[in-house]
N, C-alpha and C. Protein backbone atom coordinates (compact mmCIF):
# COMPACT_ATOMS: atom_id res chain seq x y z
N MET A 1 -14.05 -13.37 36.70
CA MET A 1 -13.61 -12.14 36.06
C MET A 1 -13.76 -12.30 34.54
N SER A 2 -14.39 -11.32 33.91
CA SER A 2 -14.60 -11.42 32.47
C SER A 2 -13.38 -10.94 31.70
N LYS A 3 -13.22 -11.51 30.50
CA LYS A 3 -12.12 -11.13 29.61
C LYS A 3 -12.41 -9.74 29.03
N PRO A 4 -11.38 -8.92 28.85
CA PRO A 4 -11.58 -7.62 28.20
C PRO A 4 -12.06 -7.81 26.76
N ALA A 5 -12.76 -6.82 26.24
CA ALA A 5 -13.28 -6.88 24.87
C ALA A 5 -12.16 -7.08 23.86
N ARG A 6 -12.46 -7.84 22.80
CA ARG A 6 -11.46 -8.07 21.75
C ARG A 6 -11.29 -6.85 20.87
N VAL A 7 -12.32 -6.02 20.76
CA VAL A 7 -12.26 -4.83 19.92
C VAL A 7 -12.72 -3.63 20.75
N ARG A 8 -11.91 -2.61 20.73
CA ARG A 8 -12.29 -1.36 21.39
C ARG A 8 -12.03 -0.20 20.43
N ILE A 9 -13.04 0.62 20.24
CA ILE A 9 -12.92 1.85 19.47
C ILE A 9 -13.09 2.95 20.51
N GLN A 10 -12.10 3.84 20.59
CA GLN A 10 -12.10 4.81 21.68
C GLN A 10 -11.38 6.08 21.29
N THR A 11 -11.66 7.15 22.02
CA THR A 11 -10.97 8.41 21.79
C THR A 11 -9.69 8.49 22.61
N GLY A 12 -9.68 7.86 23.77
CA GLY A 12 -8.53 7.94 24.67
C GLY A 12 -7.38 7.04 24.25
N ASP A 13 -6.22 7.32 24.81
CA ASP A 13 -5.02 6.56 24.52
C ASP A 13 -5.09 5.18 25.20
N PHE A 14 -4.12 4.33 24.92
CA PHE A 14 -4.05 3.01 25.54
C PHE A 14 -2.62 2.76 25.99
N ASP A 15 -2.48 1.84 26.94
CA ASP A 15 -1.18 1.50 27.53
C ASP A 15 -0.71 0.16 26.96
N LEU A 16 0.35 0.21 26.18
CA LEU A 16 0.89 -0.98 25.50
C LEU A 16 1.19 -2.10 26.49
N SER A 17 1.88 -1.80 27.57
CA SER A 17 2.25 -2.83 28.55
C SER A 17 1.03 -3.46 29.20
N ALA A 18 0.07 -2.64 29.56
CA ALA A 18 -1.14 -3.16 30.21
C ALA A 18 -1.93 -4.06 29.26
N GLU A 19 -2.00 -3.68 27.99
CA GLU A 19 -2.75 -4.48 27.02
C GLU A 19 -2.07 -5.83 26.79
N CYS A 20 -0.75 -5.83 26.67
CA CYS A 20 -0.02 -7.10 26.49
C CYS A 20 -0.20 -8.00 27.70
N ALA A 21 -0.10 -7.43 28.88
CA ALA A 21 -0.25 -8.21 30.11
C ALA A 21 -1.65 -8.80 30.22
N ALA A 22 -2.66 -8.02 29.87
CA ALA A 22 -4.05 -8.50 29.96
C ALA A 22 -4.31 -9.63 28.96
N LEU A 23 -3.67 -9.55 27.80
CA LEU A 23 -3.92 -10.56 26.77
C LEU A 23 -3.41 -11.94 27.18
N ARG A 24 -2.34 -11.98 27.95
CA ARG A 24 -1.78 -13.29 28.32
C ARG A 24 -2.10 -13.70 29.76
N ALA A 25 -2.80 -12.86 30.48
CA ALA A 25 -3.12 -13.13 31.89
C ALA A 25 -3.83 -14.47 32.05
N ASP A 26 -3.33 -15.25 32.98
CA ASP A 26 -3.94 -16.53 33.35
C ASP A 26 -4.04 -17.53 32.21
N ASP A 27 -3.20 -17.42 31.18
CA ASP A 27 -3.21 -18.37 30.07
C ASP A 27 -1.82 -18.99 29.96
N GLY A 28 -1.65 -20.15 30.57
CA GLY A 28 -0.37 -20.84 30.56
C GLY A 28 0.03 -21.39 29.20
N GLY A 29 -0.88 -21.35 28.23
CA GLY A 29 -0.57 -21.83 26.89
C GLY A 29 0.08 -20.79 26.00
N VAL A 30 0.19 -19.58 26.50
CA VAL A 30 0.79 -18.50 25.69
C VAL A 30 2.30 -18.62 25.72
N GLY A 31 2.88 -18.73 24.54
CA GLY A 31 4.34 -18.75 24.42
C GLY A 31 4.88 -17.49 23.78
N ALA A 32 3.97 -16.68 23.19
CA ALA A 32 4.40 -15.44 22.54
C ALA A 32 3.26 -14.43 22.52
N VAL A 33 3.63 -13.18 22.69
CA VAL A 33 2.70 -12.07 22.49
C VAL A 33 3.37 -11.12 21.52
N VAL A 34 2.68 -10.81 20.44
CA VAL A 34 3.18 -9.87 19.45
C VAL A 34 2.25 -8.67 19.45
N SER A 35 2.85 -7.48 19.37
CA SER A 35 2.03 -6.27 19.33
C SER A 35 2.51 -5.36 18.21
N PHE A 36 1.58 -4.58 17.72
CA PHE A 36 1.87 -3.55 16.74
C PHE A 36 1.17 -2.29 17.20
N VAL A 37 1.89 -1.17 17.18
CA VAL A 37 1.29 0.12 17.51
C VAL A 37 1.55 1.06 16.34
N GLY A 38 0.47 1.59 15.77
CA GLY A 38 0.57 2.57 14.70
C GLY A 38 0.42 3.96 15.29
N THR A 39 1.21 4.90 14.77
CA THR A 39 1.18 6.27 15.28
C THR A 39 0.95 7.27 14.14
N VAL A 40 0.56 8.47 14.51
CA VAL A 40 0.39 9.55 13.54
C VAL A 40 1.76 10.08 13.16
N ARG A 41 2.07 10.02 11.87
CA ARG A 41 3.31 10.62 11.37
C ARG A 41 3.12 12.12 11.27
N GLY A 42 4.11 12.86 11.76
CA GLY A 42 4.03 14.31 11.63
C GLY A 42 4.50 14.77 10.28
N GLY A 43 5.56 14.15 9.78
CA GLY A 43 6.07 14.46 8.46
C GLY A 43 6.90 15.73 8.38
N ALA A 44 6.77 16.62 9.33
CA ALA A 44 7.50 17.89 9.25
C ALA A 44 9.00 17.64 9.25
N GLY A 45 9.67 18.18 8.27
CA GLY A 45 11.13 18.07 8.21
C GLY A 45 11.64 16.77 7.62
N GLN A 46 10.74 15.89 7.20
CA GLN A 46 11.16 14.62 6.61
C GLN A 46 11.06 14.73 5.09
N PRO A 47 12.16 14.50 4.38
CA PRO A 47 12.12 14.61 2.92
C PRO A 47 11.07 13.69 2.31
N GLY A 48 10.33 14.22 1.35
CA GLY A 48 9.35 13.41 0.62
C GLY A 48 8.06 13.15 1.36
N THR A 49 7.81 13.85 2.47
CA THR A 49 6.56 13.64 3.20
C THR A 49 5.84 14.96 3.37
N ASP A 50 4.54 14.88 3.50
CA ASP A 50 3.74 16.06 3.78
C ASP A 50 3.69 16.26 5.29
N ALA A 51 3.74 17.50 5.71
CA ALA A 51 3.62 17.79 7.14
C ALA A 51 2.16 17.60 7.55
N ILE A 52 1.93 16.75 8.53
CA ILE A 52 0.58 16.52 9.04
C ILE A 52 0.50 17.18 10.41
N SER A 53 -0.44 18.10 10.54
CA SER A 53 -0.60 18.79 11.83
C SER A 53 -1.67 18.13 12.69
N LEU A 54 -2.58 17.38 12.04
CA LEU A 54 -3.67 16.72 12.77
C LEU A 54 -4.26 15.64 11.88
N MET A 55 -4.66 14.55 12.49
CA MET A 55 -5.38 13.50 11.77
C MET A 55 -6.70 13.27 12.48
N GLU A 56 -7.77 13.19 11.70
CA GLU A 56 -9.09 12.90 12.24
C GLU A 56 -9.53 11.53 11.76
N LEU A 57 -10.03 10.72 12.67
CA LEU A 57 -10.55 9.40 12.30
C LEU A 57 -12.00 9.29 12.73
N GLU A 58 -12.81 8.76 11.81
CA GLU A 58 -14.22 8.55 12.07
C GLU A 58 -14.55 7.08 11.80
N HIS A 59 -15.65 6.62 12.38
CA HIS A 59 -16.08 5.25 12.14
C HIS A 59 -17.60 5.18 12.24
N TYR A 60 -18.14 4.04 11.87
CA TYR A 60 -19.57 3.80 11.98
C TYR A 60 -19.76 2.85 13.16
N PRO A 61 -20.21 3.37 14.33
CA PRO A 61 -20.34 2.53 15.53
C PRO A 61 -21.19 1.29 15.27
N GLY A 62 -20.72 0.19 15.80
CA GLY A 62 -21.40 -1.09 15.63
C GLY A 62 -20.90 -1.83 14.41
N MET A 63 -20.92 -1.20 13.25
CA MET A 63 -20.44 -1.82 12.03
C MET A 63 -18.93 -2.04 12.10
N THR A 64 -18.21 -1.05 12.59
CA THR A 64 -16.75 -1.15 12.67
C THR A 64 -16.34 -2.29 13.59
N GLU A 65 -16.91 -2.34 14.77
CA GLU A 65 -16.57 -3.39 15.73
C GLU A 65 -16.90 -4.77 15.18
N ALA A 66 -18.06 -4.91 14.56
CA ALA A 66 -18.47 -6.21 14.01
C ALA A 66 -17.51 -6.67 12.90
N ALA A 67 -17.09 -5.75 12.05
CA ALA A 67 -16.17 -6.09 10.97
C ALA A 67 -14.82 -6.56 11.53
N ILE A 68 -14.33 -5.88 12.54
CA ILE A 68 -13.03 -6.25 13.13
C ILE A 68 -13.16 -7.57 13.90
N GLU A 69 -14.26 -7.77 14.60
CA GLU A 69 -14.51 -9.05 15.30
C GLU A 69 -14.45 -10.21 14.30
N ALA A 70 -15.05 -10.03 13.14
CA ALA A 70 -15.05 -11.10 12.13
C ALA A 70 -13.63 -11.40 11.66
N MET A 71 -12.79 -10.39 11.54
CA MET A 71 -11.42 -10.63 11.11
C MET A 71 -10.59 -11.28 12.22
N ILE A 72 -10.88 -10.96 13.47
CA ILE A 72 -10.20 -11.67 14.56
C ILE A 72 -10.59 -13.14 14.53
N ASP A 73 -11.88 -13.43 14.29
CA ASP A 73 -12.31 -14.83 14.16
C ASP A 73 -11.54 -15.52 13.04
N GLU A 74 -11.36 -14.82 11.91
CA GLU A 74 -10.63 -15.39 10.77
C GLU A 74 -9.16 -15.60 11.13
N ALA A 75 -8.56 -14.67 11.86
CA ALA A 75 -7.16 -14.82 12.30
C ALA A 75 -7.03 -16.04 13.21
N GLN A 76 -7.99 -16.25 14.10
CA GLN A 76 -7.94 -17.42 14.98
C GLN A 76 -8.05 -18.71 14.17
N ARG A 77 -8.89 -18.70 13.16
CA ARG A 77 -9.05 -19.90 12.33
C ARG A 77 -7.78 -20.18 11.54
N ARG A 78 -7.18 -19.16 10.96
CA ARG A 78 -6.01 -19.34 10.10
C ARG A 78 -4.73 -19.65 10.86
N PHE A 79 -4.55 -19.05 12.02
CA PHE A 79 -3.23 -19.09 12.66
C PHE A 79 -3.22 -19.77 14.03
N ASP A 80 -4.33 -20.30 14.48
CA ASP A 80 -4.38 -21.02 15.75
C ASP A 80 -3.81 -20.18 16.89
N ILE A 81 -4.29 -18.94 16.98
CA ILE A 81 -3.83 -18.05 18.06
C ILE A 81 -4.66 -18.26 19.31
N ARG A 82 -4.13 -17.85 20.43
CA ARG A 82 -4.84 -17.97 21.71
C ARG A 82 -5.85 -16.84 21.88
N ALA A 83 -5.42 -15.62 21.56
CA ALA A 83 -6.29 -14.45 21.74
C ALA A 83 -5.77 -13.30 20.88
N ALA A 84 -6.64 -12.33 20.67
CA ALA A 84 -6.25 -11.11 19.94
C ALA A 84 -7.08 -9.95 20.46
N ARG A 85 -6.52 -8.79 20.33
CA ARG A 85 -7.23 -7.56 20.70
C ARG A 85 -6.82 -6.48 19.72
N VAL A 86 -7.80 -5.69 19.29
CA VAL A 86 -7.56 -4.53 18.44
C VAL A 86 -8.15 -3.31 19.13
N ILE A 87 -7.33 -2.31 19.30
CA ILE A 87 -7.78 -1.03 19.86
C ILE A 87 -7.53 0.01 18.78
N HIS A 88 -8.56 0.72 18.41
CA HIS A 88 -8.41 1.76 17.38
C HIS A 88 -9.00 3.05 17.92
N ARG A 89 -8.22 4.10 17.80
CA ARG A 89 -8.69 5.40 18.28
C ARG A 89 -9.40 6.15 17.17
N VAL A 90 -10.33 6.99 17.57
CA VAL A 90 -11.04 7.87 16.65
C VAL A 90 -11.01 9.28 17.23
N GLY A 91 -11.42 10.24 16.39
CA GLY A 91 -11.40 11.64 16.81
C GLY A 91 -10.13 12.31 16.31
N PRO A 92 -9.87 13.51 16.79
CA PRO A 92 -8.67 14.24 16.36
C PRO A 92 -7.43 13.71 17.08
N LEU A 93 -6.36 13.46 16.32
CA LEU A 93 -5.11 12.95 16.89
C LEU A 93 -3.94 13.79 16.38
N ALA A 94 -3.07 14.17 17.29
CA ALA A 94 -1.90 14.97 16.95
C ALA A 94 -0.76 14.06 16.49
N PRO A 95 0.24 14.63 15.80
CA PRO A 95 1.41 13.85 15.42
C PRO A 95 2.02 13.15 16.64
N LEU A 96 2.50 11.94 16.43
CA LEU A 96 3.12 11.05 17.41
C LEU A 96 2.10 10.31 18.29
N ALA A 97 0.81 10.65 18.20
CA ALA A 97 -0.20 9.94 19.00
C ALA A 97 -0.36 8.51 18.50
N GLN A 98 -0.66 7.60 19.41
CA GLN A 98 -0.98 6.23 19.02
C GLN A 98 -2.36 6.21 18.38
N ILE A 99 -2.45 5.53 17.23
CA ILE A 99 -3.74 5.40 16.53
C ILE A 99 -4.34 4.02 16.79
N VAL A 100 -3.52 2.99 16.61
CA VAL A 100 -4.03 1.62 16.64
C VAL A 100 -3.06 0.72 17.39
N GLY A 101 -3.62 -0.22 18.11
CA GLY A 101 -2.83 -1.27 18.75
C GLY A 101 -3.43 -2.61 18.37
N VAL A 102 -2.59 -3.52 17.92
CA VAL A 102 -3.01 -4.89 17.62
C VAL A 102 -2.16 -5.80 18.49
N PHE A 103 -2.80 -6.66 19.24
CA PHE A 103 -2.12 -7.53 20.19
C PHE A 103 -2.58 -8.96 19.94
N VAL A 104 -1.62 -9.87 19.81
CA VAL A 104 -1.95 -11.27 19.50
C VAL A 104 -1.11 -12.18 20.39
N SER A 105 -1.76 -13.17 20.98
CA SER A 105 -1.04 -14.19 21.74
C SER A 105 -1.23 -15.54 21.06
N ALA A 106 -0.18 -16.37 21.15
CA ALA A 106 -0.21 -17.70 20.54
C ALA A 106 0.76 -18.60 21.29
N ARG A 107 0.71 -19.87 20.98
CA ARG A 107 1.65 -20.82 21.57
C ARG A 107 3.07 -20.54 21.06
N HIS A 108 3.16 -20.12 19.79
CA HIS A 108 4.46 -19.93 19.15
C HIS A 108 4.52 -18.57 18.46
N ARG A 109 5.71 -18.00 18.36
CA ARG A 109 5.88 -16.65 17.83
C ARG A 109 5.45 -16.53 16.36
N GLY A 110 5.71 -17.55 15.55
CA GLY A 110 5.36 -17.46 14.14
C GLY A 110 3.88 -17.21 13.92
N GLN A 111 3.05 -17.94 14.67
CA GLN A 111 1.60 -17.76 14.56
C GLN A 111 1.19 -16.35 15.00
N ALA A 112 1.80 -15.88 16.08
CA ALA A 112 1.46 -14.56 16.59
C ALA A 112 1.87 -13.46 15.61
N PHE A 113 3.08 -13.57 15.05
CA PHE A 113 3.52 -12.58 14.07
C PHE A 113 2.61 -12.56 12.85
N GLN A 114 2.31 -13.75 12.31
CA GLN A 114 1.46 -13.82 11.12
C GLN A 114 0.08 -13.25 11.37
N ALA A 115 -0.52 -13.60 12.49
CA ALA A 115 -1.86 -13.11 12.80
C ALA A 115 -1.87 -11.60 12.99
N CYS A 116 -0.85 -11.07 13.63
CA CYS A 116 -0.76 -9.63 13.84
C CYS A 116 -0.65 -8.90 12.50
N GLU A 117 0.20 -9.42 11.62
CA GLU A 117 0.36 -8.81 10.31
C GLU A 117 -0.93 -8.93 9.48
N PHE A 118 -1.57 -10.07 9.54
CA PHE A 118 -2.84 -10.28 8.86
C PHE A 118 -3.88 -9.25 9.32
N LEU A 119 -4.00 -9.07 10.62
CA LEU A 119 -4.97 -8.12 11.15
C LEU A 119 -4.65 -6.69 10.73
N MET A 120 -3.38 -6.32 10.75
CA MET A 120 -3.01 -4.96 10.32
C MET A 120 -3.28 -4.76 8.83
N ASP A 121 -2.98 -5.75 8.00
CA ASP A 121 -3.26 -5.63 6.57
C ASP A 121 -4.76 -5.42 6.34
N TYR A 122 -5.57 -6.11 7.11
CA TYR A 122 -7.02 -5.93 7.02
C TYR A 122 -7.41 -4.52 7.46
N LEU A 123 -6.91 -4.11 8.61
CA LEU A 123 -7.29 -2.80 9.16
C LEU A 123 -6.95 -1.66 8.20
N LYS A 124 -5.81 -1.77 7.52
CA LYS A 124 -5.38 -0.70 6.61
C LYS A 124 -6.29 -0.54 5.40
N THR A 125 -7.01 -1.59 5.02
CA THR A 125 -7.77 -1.52 3.77
C THR A 125 -9.27 -1.73 3.93
N GLN A 126 -9.69 -2.56 4.86
CA GLN A 126 -11.07 -3.01 4.90
C GLN A 126 -11.88 -2.52 6.10
N ALA A 127 -11.24 -2.19 7.18
CA ALA A 127 -12.00 -1.77 8.36
C ALA A 127 -12.70 -0.44 8.05
N PRO A 128 -13.95 -0.30 8.45
CA PRO A 128 -14.70 0.91 8.11
C PRO A 128 -14.31 2.11 8.98
N PHE A 129 -13.18 2.69 8.63
CA PHE A 129 -12.71 3.94 9.23
C PHE A 129 -12.53 4.94 8.11
N TRP A 130 -12.69 6.20 8.44
CA TRP A 130 -12.44 7.28 7.49
C TRP A 130 -11.41 8.20 8.12
N LYS A 131 -10.38 8.49 7.35
CA LYS A 131 -9.22 9.22 7.86
C LYS A 131 -9.03 10.51 7.07
N LYS A 132 -8.90 11.62 7.79
CA LYS A 132 -8.65 12.92 7.17
C LYS A 132 -7.37 13.49 7.76
N GLU A 133 -6.44 13.86 6.87
CA GLU A 133 -5.18 14.47 7.31
C GLU A 133 -5.24 15.97 7.08
N HIS A 134 -4.77 16.71 8.08
CA HIS A 134 -4.69 18.17 7.98
C HIS A 134 -3.23 18.55 7.86
N GLY A 135 -2.93 19.42 6.90
CA GLY A 135 -1.56 19.87 6.69
C GLY A 135 -1.53 21.30 6.18
N PRO A 136 -0.37 21.76 5.74
CA PRO A 136 -0.23 23.15 5.30
C PRO A 136 -1.11 23.50 4.09
N ASP A 137 -1.49 22.51 3.30
CA ASP A 137 -2.33 22.76 2.12
C ASP A 137 -3.81 22.49 2.40
N GLY A 138 -4.18 22.34 3.66
CA GLY A 138 -5.56 22.07 4.01
C GLY A 138 -5.78 20.63 4.42
N ALA A 139 -7.03 20.20 4.38
CA ALA A 139 -7.40 18.84 4.81
C ALA A 139 -7.73 17.99 3.59
N ARG A 140 -7.42 16.68 3.70
CA ARG A 140 -7.76 15.75 2.62
C ARG A 140 -8.09 14.39 3.23
N TRP A 141 -9.10 13.74 2.62
CA TRP A 141 -9.45 12.38 3.00
C TRP A 141 -8.42 11.43 2.43
N VAL A 142 -8.07 10.40 3.18
CA VAL A 142 -7.02 9.46 2.79
C VAL A 142 -7.64 8.12 2.44
N ASP A 143 -7.29 7.59 1.26
CA ASP A 143 -7.73 6.25 0.83
C ASP A 143 -6.61 5.26 1.10
N ALA A 144 -6.96 3.98 1.09
CA ALA A 144 -5.94 2.93 1.17
C ALA A 144 -5.04 3.03 -0.06
N ARG A 145 -3.78 2.74 0.12
CA ARG A 145 -2.81 2.79 -0.97
C ARG A 145 -2.76 1.43 -1.67
N GLU A 146 -2.25 1.43 -2.91
CA GLU A 146 -2.14 0.18 -3.66
C GLU A 146 -1.27 -0.84 -2.93
N VAL A 147 -0.23 -0.37 -2.26
CA VAL A 147 0.65 -1.27 -1.53
C VAL A 147 -0.11 -1.96 -0.38
N ASP A 148 -1.07 -1.23 0.21
CA ASP A 148 -1.90 -1.83 1.27
C ASP A 148 -2.83 -2.89 0.69
N ASP A 149 -3.39 -2.60 -0.48
CA ASP A 149 -4.25 -3.59 -1.15
C ASP A 149 -3.46 -4.85 -1.51
N ALA A 150 -2.23 -4.65 -1.97
CA ALA A 150 -1.37 -5.80 -2.33
C ALA A 150 -1.03 -6.63 -1.09
N ALA A 151 -0.81 -5.96 0.03
CA ALA A 151 -0.50 -6.68 1.26
C ALA A 151 -1.68 -7.56 1.67
N LEU A 152 -2.89 -7.06 1.52
CA LEU A 152 -4.07 -7.85 1.86
C LEU A 152 -4.24 -9.02 0.89
N ALA A 153 -3.93 -8.78 -0.38
CA ALA A 153 -4.11 -9.82 -1.40
C ALA A 153 -3.25 -11.06 -1.13
N ARG A 154 -2.11 -10.89 -0.49
CA ARG A 154 -1.26 -12.06 -0.23
C ARG A 154 -1.90 -13.04 0.74
N TRP A 155 -2.94 -12.58 1.47
CA TRP A 155 -3.69 -13.46 2.37
C TRP A 155 -4.89 -14.08 1.66
N GLY A 156 -5.03 -13.80 0.35
CA GLY A 156 -6.14 -14.34 -0.41
C GLY A 156 -7.42 -13.56 -0.26
N ILE A 157 -7.30 -12.28 0.14
CA ILE A 157 -8.49 -11.43 0.31
C ILE A 157 -8.38 -10.26 -0.66
N ALA A 158 -9.41 -10.09 -1.49
CA ALA A 158 -9.45 -8.96 -2.42
C ALA A 158 -9.91 -7.73 -1.67
N SER A 159 -9.22 -6.64 -1.88
CA SER A 159 -9.57 -5.38 -1.25
C SER A 159 -10.83 -4.80 -1.88
N ASP A 160 -11.72 -4.26 -1.06
CA ASP A 160 -12.88 -3.55 -1.58
C ASP A 160 -12.43 -2.34 -2.39
N ASN A 161 -11.30 -1.75 -2.01
CA ASN A 161 -10.76 -0.59 -2.73
C ASN A 161 -10.31 -0.99 -4.13
N ALA A 162 -9.68 -2.15 -4.26
CA ALA A 162 -9.20 -2.62 -5.55
C ALA A 162 -10.38 -2.92 -6.47
N ALA A 163 -11.43 -3.50 -5.90
CA ALA A 163 -12.61 -3.86 -6.70
C ALA A 163 -13.33 -2.63 -7.21
N SER A 164 -13.32 -1.55 -6.39
CA SER A 164 -14.05 -0.35 -6.80
C SER A 164 -13.19 0.62 -7.59
N GLY A 165 -11.88 0.33 -7.68
CA GLY A 165 -11.00 1.21 -8.40
C GLY A 165 -10.54 2.39 -7.58
N ALA A 166 -10.82 2.39 -6.27
CA ALA A 166 -10.41 3.50 -5.40
C ALA A 166 -8.94 3.50 -5.15
């Protein structure tokens, strides 16, 4: 039986429990599985936030998967993890929809937590996705925020956004 792909870019939703179970299946060396699920914020009724009625995500097929695969390789090198999987959705997504799932297994929880956070910091700034938010004032493309660039910098990686001034 072949292992599921480490990177999946898809329009459909994913099942958190099934992904966690698949990541540790038949691996007696796994002592921890850490997962992160990012969702579309609606913002409606929340002070200080814009109401988002729809989010659209686009990617460049092939390039996106290769870039994320390289970062999973780097996470394995840095944190001695057993396995990792990144699932990222594209297309139109409504508020509360799952956008991204990052799943990491390791012998110990510290390694799994660090690798999961490392992968998310990368995804927020460097993965080749384009995000457009739709709200009451129309649609706007979203860039990585300075706080996201700073989060990536703590891993010793300069953000492409920081270098270009974006």
